[in-house]
Amino acid sequence: QVQLVESGGGLEQPGGSLRLSCAASGFTFSRYAMGWYRQAPGKQRELVATIFSGGNTNYADSVKGRFTISRDNAKNTVYLQMNSLKPEDTAVYYCNALRVATGADYWGQGTQVTVSS
């Protein structure tokens, strides 16, 4: 069955870095756009970054220049490198897989990122 398993979250100080990973299985990873979303307490889930099957990327304005999304199709894994972390980056981060052609849409269970001194 389809699985998206996030890891790498935790507690980090402002200005620090974390690297999130999302290991995928159960579908043809290379054909899917992969995204990272986040949801802070009391707020709606928002798109953080997307990497398309061809490698193009886009980012929310709030993370441009600080976060980098990448993928390794050989490992069926997508990453989110987060640098210069800010307290407002605190949220549960979710991995998403989307294939626009079919509408297939999968979610991971989320990983908590807390940025605090």
Protein backbone atom coordinates (compact mmCIF):
# COMPACT_ATOMS: atom_id res chain seq x y z
CA GLN A 1 0.00 0.00 0.00
CA VAL A 2 1.00 3.65 -0.32
CA GLN A 3 3.17 5.00 2.46
CA LEU A 4 4.82 8.35 3.04
CA VAL A 5 6.97 8.36 6.16
CA GLU A 6 8.44 11.65 7.34
CA SER A 7 11.43 11.95 9.63
CA GLY A 8 13.94 14.53 10.80
CA GLY A 9 11.73 16.85 12.80
CA GLY A 10 12.57 18.05 16.28
CA LEU A 11 13.49 21.02 18.41
CA GLU A 12 15.96 23.53 17.01
CA GLN A 13 17.09 26.98 18.05
CA PRO A 14 16.39 30.06 15.92
CA GLY A 15 19.01 30.31 13.21
CA GLY A 16 19.60 26.59 13.19
CA SER A 17 18.99 23.95 10.55
CA LEU A 18 16.99 20.77 10.16
CA ARG A 19 16.64 18.33 7.30
CA LEU A 20 13.34 16.56 6.82
CA SER A 21 13.06 13.34 4.84
CA CYS A 22 10.03 11.61 3.38
CA ALA A 23 10.40 8.01 2.29
CA ALA A 24 7.77 6.89 -0.20
CA SER A 25 6.56 3.45 -1.20
CA GLY A 26 3.64 1.84 -2.97
CA PHE A 27 3.54 4.08 -6.04
CA THR A 28 5.77 5.20 -8.91
CA PHE A 29 7.59 7.96 -7.09
CA SER A 30 9.30 9.49 -10.12
CA ARG A 31 5.95 10.31 -11.75
CA TYR A 32 4.67 12.35 -8.84
CA ALA A 33 5.07 15.94 -7.81
CA MET A 34 6.27 15.93 -4.20
CA GLY A 35 5.49 18.66 -1.75
CA TRP A 36 6.02 19.72 1.81
CA TYR A 37 3.18 21.41 3.67
CA ARG A 38 3.00 22.68 7.21
CA GLN A 39 0.30 23.43 9.72
CA ALA A 40 0.82 25.56 12.79
CA PRO A 41 -1.61 25.46 15.73
CA GLY A 42 -4.79 27.35 14.89
CA LYS A 43 -3.77 27.91 11.28
CA GLN A 44 -4.60 26.35 7.96
CA ARG A 45 -2.24 23.93 6.30
CA GLU A 46 -0.01 25.79 3.85
CA LEU A 47 2.24 24.76 1.00
CA VAL A 48 5.93 25.19 1.79
CA ALA A 49 7.67 23.79 -1.29
CA THR A 50 7.06 21.59 -4.31
CA ILE A 51 9.37 19.64 -6.57
CA PHE A 52 7.91 18.34 -9.81
CA SER A 53 8.78 15.11 -11.56
CA GLY A 54 11.05 17.03 -13.94
CA GLY A 55 12.90 18.68 -11.07
CA ASN A 56 11.38 22.16 -11.17
CA THR A 57 10.71 23.65 -7.76
CA ASN A 58 8.67 26.37 -6.17
CA TYR A 59 8.56 27.81 -2.69
CA ALA A 60 6.33 29.84 -0.43
CA ASP A 61 7.60 33.41 -0.16
CA SER A 62 8.12 32.92 3.58
CA VAL A 63 10.80 30.26 3.04
CA LYS A 64 12.49 31.35 -0.18
CA GLY A 65 16.25 31.54 0.26
CA ARG A 66 16.12 29.50 3.49
CA PHE A 67 14.57 26.16 2.53
CA THR A 68 15.55 23.80 -0.27
CA ILE A 69 13.47 20.89 -1.53
CA SER A 70 15.15 18.02 -3.36
CA ARG A 71 14.36 14.48 -4.41
CA ASP A 72 16.23 11.24 -4.99
CA ASN A 73 14.20 9.07 -7.33
CA ALA A 74 16.56 6.14 -6.81
CA LYS A 75 15.74 6.18 -3.10
CA ASN A 76 12.08 7.23 -3.47
CA THR A 77 12.77 10.03 -1.04
CA VAL A 78 12.10 13.75 -0.93
CA TYR A 79 13.98 16.12 1.36
CA LEU A 80 13.46 19.55 2.83
CA GLN A 81 16.62 21.30 3.99
CA MET A 82 15.62 24.09 6.36
CA ASN A 83 18.20 26.72 7.24
CA SER A 84 18.02 29.95 9.21
CA LEU A 85 15.02 28.63 11.09
CA LYS A 86 12.64 31.08 12.72
CA PRO A 87 10.10 30.57 15.50
CA GLU A 88 7.35 31.10 12.94
CA ASP A 89 8.54 27.95 11.14
CA THR A 90 7.18 25.94 14.07
CA ALA A 91 4.54 23.56 12.72
CA VAL A 92 3.75 20.00 11.85
CA TYR A 93 5.32 19.33 8.45
CA TYR A 94 3.58 16.96 6.05
CA CYS A 95 4.83 15.24 2.94
CA ASN A 96 2.50 15.08 -0.06
CA ALA A 97 2.59 13.16 -3.33
CA LEU A 98 0.42 14.33 -6.21
CA ARG A 99 -0.03 13.03 -9.71
CA VAL A 100 -2.04 15.66 -11.56
CA ALA A 101 -2.81 13.37 -14.51
CA THR A 102 -4.77 10.94 -12.34
CA GLY A 103 -5.66 13.01 -9.30
CA ALA A 104 -3.86 10.57 -7.01
CA ASP A 105 -3.00 12.45 -3.82
CA TYR A 106 -1.23 10.95 -0.81
CA TRP A 107 -0.19 12.32 2.60
CA GLY A 108 2.26 11.38 5.29
CA GLN A 109 1.48 11.43 8.99
CA GLY A 110 3.52 14.56 9.71
CA THR A 111 6.58 15.43 11.73
CA GLN A 112 6.78 18.16 14.35
CA VAL A 113 9.27 20.99 13.92
CA THR A 114 9.69 23.35 16.85
CA VAL A 115 11.94 26.40 16.65
CA SER A 116 12.54 27.90 20.04
CA SER A 117 15.34 29.13 22.27
